[in-house]
Amino acid sequence: QVQLVESGGGLVQAGGPLRLSCAASGRTFSSYTMGWFRQAPGKEGEFVAAITWIGTNTYYTDSVKGRFTISRDNAKNTVYLQMSSLKPEDTALYSCAARLSGIGDSSRRYNYWGQGTKVTVSS
């Protein structure tokens, strides 16, 4: 079992940066691929980024490439999402998730989920 707690959300102006954190507790965090997903009000959830357990492979949805960076610190059991050049359309509830193997954008392949942290980007 893995417990995930996100933090770092808030209100930011368009063009600004924000860093989200996801702290994990439980079994062997370093063994899991970690991902970030988001859900905007009234819209379906979407994949944002993922990183393999060792951190060598990352994967991003096209809309955030070049603006967002996912990273992890296995010693701290934490995964980060550094967001820059934020846009109003990035406004959403951001959730981190963990999966046992592989890397990808399907939410159904992720086994554990946090409650999310809200990001609001003002224009």
C-alpha atoms as a PDB file:
ATOM      1  CA  GLN A   1       0.000   0.000   0.000  1.00  0.00           C
ATOM      2  CA  VAL A   2       1.188   3.490  -0.846  1.00  0.00           C
ATOM      3  CA  GLN A   3      -0.282   6.690   0.540  1.00  0.00           C
ATOM      4  CA  LEU A   4       0.147   9.856  -1.490  1.00  0.00           C
ATOM      5  CA  VAL A   5      -0.284  13.440  -0.308  1.00  0.00           C
ATOM      6  CA  GLU A   6       0.022  16.368  -2.690  1.00  0.00           C
ATOM      7  CA  SER A   7       0.927  19.925  -1.787  1.00  0.00           C
ATOM      8  CA  GLY A   8       1.999  23.149  -3.421  1.00  0.00           C
ATOM      9  CA  GLY A   9      -1.151  24.161  -5.210  1.00  0.00           C
ATOM     10  CA  GLY A  10      -2.531  27.670  -5.114  1.00  0.00           C
ATOM     11  CA  LEU A  11      -3.364  30.771  -7.086  1.00  0.00           C
ATOM     12  CA  VAL A  12      -0.778  32.011  -9.567  1.00  0.00           C
ATOM     13  CA  GLN A  13      -0.799  34.569 -12.356  1.00  0.00           C
ATOM     14  CA  ALA A  14      -0.498  33.465 -15.942  1.00  0.00           C
ATOM     15  CA  GLY A  15       3.120  33.109 -16.952  1.00  0.00           C
ATOM     16  CA  GLY A  16       4.235  32.318 -13.436  1.00  0.00           C
ATOM     17  CA  PRO A  17       5.748  29.188 -11.935  1.00  0.00           C
ATOM     18  CA  LEU A  18       4.517  26.744  -9.345  1.00  0.00           C
ATOM     19  CA  ARG A  19       5.972  23.554  -7.934  1.00  0.00           C
ATOM     20  CA  LEU A  20       3.820  20.706  -6.778  1.00  0.00           C
ATOM     21  CA  SER A  21       5.032  17.992  -4.442  1.00  0.00           C
ATOM     22  CA  CYS A  22       3.706  14.541  -3.764  1.00  0.00           C
ATOM     23  CA  ALA A  23       4.911  12.828  -0.595  1.00  0.00           C
ATOM     24  CA  ALA A  24       4.597   9.072  -0.459  1.00  0.00           C
ATOM     25  CA  SER A  25       4.506   6.748   2.479  1.00  0.00           C
ATOM     26  CA  GLY A  26       4.169   3.043   2.688  1.00  0.00           C
ATOM     27  CA  ARG A  27       5.910   0.370   0.755  1.00  0.00           C
ATOM     28  CA  THR A  28       8.946   0.871  -1.423  1.00  0.00           C
ATOM     29  CA  PHE A  29       8.179   4.188  -3.082  1.00  0.00           C
ATOM     30  CA  SER A  30      11.291   3.897  -5.190  1.00  0.00           C
ATOM     31  CA  SER A  31       9.869   0.864  -6.974  1.00  0.00           C
ATOM     32  CA  TYR A  32       6.927   2.731  -8.453  1.00  0.00           C
ATOM     33  CA  THR A  33       6.454   4.754 -11.560  1.00  0.00           C
ATOM     34  CA  MET A  34       4.900   8.046 -10.514  1.00  0.00           C
ATOM     35  CA  GLY A  35       2.511  10.162 -12.509  1.00  0.00           C
ATOM     36  CA  TRP A  36       0.643  13.436 -12.351  1.00  0.00           C
ATOM     37  CA  PHE A  37      -2.902  13.839 -13.616  1.00  0.00           C
ATOM     38  CA  ARG A  38      -5.233  16.806 -13.596  1.00  0.00           C
ATOM     39  CA  GLN A  39      -8.930  17.465 -13.844  1.00  0.00           C
ATOM     40  CA  ALA A  40     -10.302  20.839 -14.768  1.00  0.00           C
ATOM     41  CA  PRO A  41     -13.795  21.857 -13.656  1.00  0.00           C
ATOM     42  CA  GLY A  42     -16.403  20.266 -15.867  1.00  0.00           C
ATOM     43  CA  LYS A  43     -13.853  18.269 -17.828  1.00  0.00           C
ATOM     44  CA  GLU A  44     -12.518  14.743 -17.800  1.00  0.00           C
ATOM     45  CA  GLY A  45      -9.250  13.980 -16.085  1.00  0.00           C
ATOM     46  CA  GLU A  46      -6.128  13.959 -18.173  1.00  0.00           C
ATOM     47  CA  PHE A  47      -2.596  12.687 -17.906  1.00  0.00           C
ATOM     48  CA  VAL A  48       0.110  15.293 -17.365  1.00  0.00           C
ATOM     49  CA  ALA A  49       3.468  13.595 -16.788  1.00  0.00           C
ATOM     50  CA  ALA A  50       5.109  10.436 -15.494  1.00  0.00           C
ATOM     51  CA  ILE A  51       8.535   9.313 -14.348  1.00  0.00           C
ATOM     52  CA  THR A  52       9.949   5.830 -13.934  1.00  0.00           C
ATOM     53  CA  TRP A  53      11.221   4.539 -10.628  1.00  0.00           C
ATOM     54  CA  ILE A  54      14.853   5.386 -11.299  1.00  0.00           C
ATOM     55  CA  GLY A  55      14.019   8.713 -12.893  1.00  0.00           C
ATOM     56  CA  THR A  56      15.674   8.063 -16.224  1.00  0.00           C
ATOM     57  CA  ASN A  57      12.499   7.991 -18.291  1.00  0.00           C
ATOM     58  CA  THR A  58       9.898  10.713 -18.329  1.00  0.00           C
ATOM     59  CA  TYR A  59       6.742  11.150 -20.347  1.00  0.00           C
ATOM     60  CA  TYR A  60       4.612  14.262 -20.883  1.00  0.00           C
ATOM     61  CA  THR A  61       1.384  15.154 -22.531  1.00  0.00           C
ATOM     62  CA  ASP A  62       1.968  17.463 -25.479  1.00  0.00           C
ATOM     63  CA  SER A  63       0.311  20.499 -23.938  1.00  0.00           C
ATOM     64  CA  VAL A  64       2.871  20.730 -21.120  1.00  0.00           C
ATOM     65  CA  LYS A  65       6.072  19.755 -22.923  1.00  0.00           C
ATOM     66  CA  GLY A  66       8.715  22.397 -22.447  1.00  0.00           C
ATOM     67  CA  ARG A  67       6.790  24.022 -19.579  1.00  0.00           C
ATOM     68  CA  PHE A  68       6.467  21.285 -16.947  1.00  0.00           C
ATOM     69  CA  THR A  69       9.190  19.064 -15.500  1.00  0.00           C
ATOM     70  CA  ILE A  70       8.582  15.959 -13.431  1.00  0.00           C
ATOM     71  CA  SER A  71      11.284  14.746 -11.068  1.00  0.00           C
ATOM     72  CA  ARG A  72      11.636  12.571  -8.020  1.00  0.00           C
ATOM     73  CA  ASP A  73      13.777  12.207  -4.944  1.00  0.00           C
ATOM     74  CA  ASN A  74      13.594   8.609  -3.778  1.00  0.00           C
ATOM     75  CA  ALA A  75      15.519   9.416  -0.604  1.00  0.00           C
ATOM     76  CA  LYS A  76      12.693  11.778   0.353  1.00  0.00           C
ATOM     77  CA  ASN A  77       9.895   9.630  -1.066  1.00  0.00           C
ATOM     78  CA  THR A  78       8.733  12.634  -3.037  1.00  0.00           C
ATOM     79  CA  VAL A  79       7.859  13.380  -6.630  1.00  0.00           C
ATOM     80  CA  TYR A  80       7.685  16.924  -7.959  1.00  0.00           C
ATOM     81  CA  LEU A  81       6.010  18.727 -10.800  1.00  0.00           C
ATOM     82  CA  GLN A  82       7.737  21.976 -11.641  1.00  0.00           C
ATOM     83  CA  MET A  83       5.378  24.078 -13.707  1.00  0.00           C
ATOM     84  CA  SER A  84       6.381  27.223 -15.555  1.00  0.00           C
ATOM     85  CA  SER A  85       4.775  29.573 -18.068  1.00  0.00           C
ATOM     86  CA  LEU A  86       1.434  28.649 -16.591  1.00  0.00           C
ATOM     87  CA  LYS A  87      -1.714  29.327 -18.573  1.00  0.00           C
ATOM     88  CA  PRO A  88      -5.318  29.724 -17.431  1.00  0.00           C
ATOM     89  CA  GLU A  89      -6.082  26.412 -19.126  1.00  0.00           C
ATOM     90  CA  ASP A  90      -3.703  24.722 -16.665  1.00  0.00           C
ATOM     91  CA  THR A  91      -6.237  25.421 -13.913  1.00  0.00           C
ATOM     92  CA  ALA A  92      -7.225  22.072 -12.429  1.00  0.00           C
ATOM     93  CA  LEU A  93      -7.044  19.709  -9.518  1.00  0.00           C
ATOM     94  CA  TYR A  94      -3.660  17.996  -9.799  1.00  0.00           C
ATOM     95  CA  SER A  95      -3.287  14.494  -8.427  1.00  0.00           C
ATOM     96  CA  CYS A  96      -0.308  12.226  -8.213  1.00  0.00           C
ATOM     97  CA  ALA A  97      -0.536   8.510  -8.742  1.00  0.00           C
ATOM     98  CA  ALA A  98       1.668   5.431  -8.528  1.00  0.00           C
ATOM     99  CA  ARG A  99       1.878   2.316 -10.654  1.00  0.00           C
ATOM    100  CA  LEU A 100       3.888  -0.816 -10.150  1.00  0.00           C
ATOM    101  CA  SER A 101       5.596  -1.012 -13.523  1.00  0.00           C
ATOM    102  CA  GLY A 102       5.880   0.534 -16.925  1.00  0.00           C
ATOM    103  CA  ILE A 103       5.144   4.107 -17.855  1.00  0.00           C
ATOM    104  CA  GLY A 104       2.162   5.559 -19.622  1.00  0.00           C
ATOM    105  CA  ASP A 105      -0.813   7.865 -19.648  1.00  0.00           C
ATOM    106  CA  SER A 106      -3.681   5.535 -18.823  1.00  0.00           C
ATOM    107  CA  SER A 107      -5.157   6.312 -15.434  1.00  0.00           C
ATOM    108  CA  ARG A 108      -6.429   2.741 -15.214  1.00  0.00           C
ATOM    109  CA  ARG A 109      -2.885   1.447 -14.940  1.00  0.00           C
ATOM    110  CA  TYR A 110      -2.161   3.464 -11.793  1.00  0.00           C
ATOM    111  CA  ASN A 111      -2.792   1.671  -8.538  1.00  0.00           C
ATOM    112  CA  TYR A 112      -2.651   4.412  -5.917  1.00  0.00           C
ATOM    113  CA  TRP A 113      -3.909   7.974  -5.927  1.00  0.00           C
ATOM    114  CA  GLY A 114      -3.646  11.077  -3.793  1.00  0.00           C
ATOM    115  CA  GLN A 115      -6.462  13.487  -3.043  1.00  0.00           C
ATOM    116  CA  GLY A 116      -5.115  16.253  -5.201  1.00  0.00           C
ATOM    117  CA  THR A 117      -4.034  19.861  -4.873  1.00  0.00           C
ATOM    118  CA  LYS A 118      -5.804  22.700  -6.614  1.00  0.00           C
ATOM    119  CA  VAL A 119      -4.020  24.971  -9.057  1.00  0.00           C
ATOM    120  CA  THR A 120      -5.693  28.146 -10.279  1.00  0.00           C
ATOM    121  CA  VAL A 121      -4.053  30.269 -12.944  1.00  0.00           C
ATOM    122  CA  SER A 122      -5.445  33.765 -13.318  1.00  0.00           C
ATOM    123  CA  SER A 123      -5.259  35.675 -16.567  1.00  0.00           C
END
